[in-house]
Amino acid sequence: MKLTDYQAIFASNVALLIQHIEDMGYRCTLGEAWRTKEMAEIYAKKGIGIKDSLHIKRLAIDINLFKDGVFLEDGEAHKQFGEWWEKLHPFNRWGGRFSDGNHYEMREAIQI
C-alpha cells in the first residue's frame, strides 16, 4: 500500500472516532493533525514531541475532548476512546500508551 492509502484509512477512522465520541455524549474539537518537518524538529528540541512524528505523514491527530462543556485535559478521559480506537484498526495506536492521552495515530504505517 502507498502512504496515501494509509492516510485515507486514517482519515476515515478519525471520522468514525469523532462520531463515536459524540455518540457517547462527549464533544471534541480538532487539535494538530499535520505538522511540518521543521515544526517537528522544533518540538523535539523543546521536548514536547519527536522529530519523526507521524503528524508529518498525516497519520496522527490530537483531539480535544469535552464533557458538558468542560475541557477534559487529563489523558485518562480519553482512555475509553483510545481503547476503542485501537480496536478499530490493527495499525491504530492511542497516545495514552506513551503519556500523550489526546493523541491518536496509525503507527505501523511509519514503515512507509
Protein backbone atom coordinates (compact mmCIF):
# COMPACT_ATOMS: atom_id res chain seq x y z
CA MET A 1 0.00 0.00 0.00
CA LYS A 2 1.03 3.59 -0.60
CA LEU A 3 1.17 6.33 2.00
CA THR A 4 -1.99 7.88 0.54
CA ASP A 5 -3.83 4.59 1.12
CA TYR A 6 -2.90 4.68 4.81
CA GLN A 7 -3.80 8.36 5.03
CA ALA A 8 -7.26 7.64 3.59
CA ILE A 9 -7.85 4.80 6.06
CA PHE A 10 -6.62 7.01 8.89
CA ALA A 11 -8.94 9.87 7.87
CA SER A 12 -11.92 7.51 7.73
CA ASN A 13 -11.01 6.10 11.14
CA VAL A 14 -10.79 9.61 12.60
CA ALA A 15 -14.29 10.34 11.27
CA LEU A 16 -15.56 7.17 12.98
CA LEU A 17 -13.78 8.13 16.20
CA ILE A 18 -15.33 11.58 16.23
CA GLN A 19 -18.78 10.08 15.67
CA HIS A 20 -18.18 7.57 18.47
CA ILE A 21 -17.13 10.37 20.82
CA GLU A 22 -20.36 12.23 20.01
CA ASP A 23 -22.44 9.06 20.39
CA MET A 24 -21.02 8.60 23.91
CA GLY A 25 -22.22 12.06 24.96
CA TYR A 26 -18.91 13.89 24.60
CA ARG A 27 -17.84 16.61 22.19
CA CYS A 28 -14.48 17.24 20.61
CA THR A 29 -12.50 19.73 18.63
CA LEU A 30 -9.53 19.03 16.44
CA GLY A 31 -6.03 19.71 17.62
CA GLU A 32 -2.93 19.38 15.49
CA ALA A 33 -3.29 16.96 12.60
CA TRP A 34 -0.49 17.99 10.25
CA ARG A 35 2.93 19.20 11.28
CA THR A 36 5.81 20.32 9.10
CA LYS A 37 9.14 18.56 9.45
CA GLU A 38 10.63 21.84 10.66
CA MET A 39 7.99 22.20 13.38
CA ALA A 40 8.53 18.60 14.46
CA GLU A 41 12.23 19.33 14.87
CA ILE A 42 11.45 22.44 16.94
CA TYR A 43 9.06 20.46 19.16
CA ALA A 44 11.65 17.69 19.58
CA LYS A 45 14.27 20.21 20.72
CA LYS A 46 11.77 21.57 23.26
CA GLY A 47 10.99 18.05 24.47
CA ILE A 48 7.30 18.26 23.51
CA GLY A 49 7.35 15.98 20.50
CA ILE A 50 9.54 13.77 18.38
CA LYS A 51 11.47 14.56 15.22
CA ASP A 52 9.87 11.72 13.23
CA SER A 53 6.30 12.50 14.25
CA LEU A 54 3.51 10.76 12.37
CA HIS A 55 1.84 14.18 12.17
CA ILE A 56 4.36 14.87 9.36
CA LYS A 57 2.88 11.99 7.34
CA ARG A 58 -0.70 12.99 8.17
CA LEU A 59 -1.12 9.79 10.20
CA ALA A 60 -1.70 11.38 13.60
CA ILE A 61 -4.15 13.78 15.20
CA ASP A 62 -4.61 15.37 18.59
CA ILE A 63 -8.22 15.61 19.76
CA ASN A 64 -9.54 17.97 22.41
CA LEU A 65 -12.24 16.26 24.48
CA PHE A 66 -15.15 17.95 26.26
CA LYS A 67 -17.94 16.73 28.54
CA ASP A 68 -20.83 19.02 29.47
CA GLY A 69 -18.86 21.97 28.12
CA VAL A 70 -15.79 21.23 30.25
CA PHE A 71 -12.44 20.64 28.56
CA LEU A 72 -11.03 17.32 29.78
CA GLU A 73 -7.29 17.94 29.92
CA ASP A 74 -6.43 14.67 31.64
CA GLY A 75 -5.42 11.99 29.15
CA GLU A 76 -7.27 9.44 31.29
CA ALA A 77 -10.53 10.91 29.98
CA HIS A 78 -9.51 9.65 26.54
CA LYS A 79 -8.90 6.08 27.70
CA GLN A 80 -12.25 4.63 26.60
CA PHE A 81 -11.84 6.29 23.20
CA GLY A 82 -8.19 5.29 22.89
CA GLU A 83 -9.03 1.66 23.53
CA TRP A 84 -11.90 1.85 21.04
CA TRP A 85 -9.55 3.48 18.51
CA GLU A 86 -7.06 0.64 18.81
CA LYS A 87 -9.78 -1.93 18.13
CA LEU A 88 -10.91 -0.05 15.02
CA HIS A 89 -7.81 -0.97 13.00
CA PRO A 90 -4.77 -3.13 13.81
CA PHE A 91 -2.37 -0.26 12.98
CA ASN A 92 -4.11 2.29 15.21
CA ARG A 93 -2.34 3.30 18.40
CA TRP A 94 -3.52 5.58 21.17
CA GLY A 95 -1.08 8.08 22.67
CA GLY A 96 -2.18 7.30 26.20
CA ARG A 97 0.04 4.24 25.95
CA PHE A 98 3.02 6.64 25.95
CA SER A 99 1.73 9.60 28.03
CA ASP A 100 0.05 11.65 25.27
CA GLY A 101 -3.60 10.93 26.02
CA ASN A 102 -5.22 13.12 23.36
CA HIS A 103 -3.07 11.69 20.53
CA TYR A 104 -4.36 9.13 18.01
CA GLU A 105 -2.20 7.65 15.27
CA MET A 106 -1.77 4.94 12.67
CA ARG A 107 1.56 3.57 13.87
CA GLU A 108 2.60 0.67 11.62
CA ALA A 109 2.38 2.84 8.54
CA ILE A 110 5.55 4.57 9.76
CA GLN A 111 7.45 1.92 7.77
CA ILE A 112 6.28 3.59 4.56
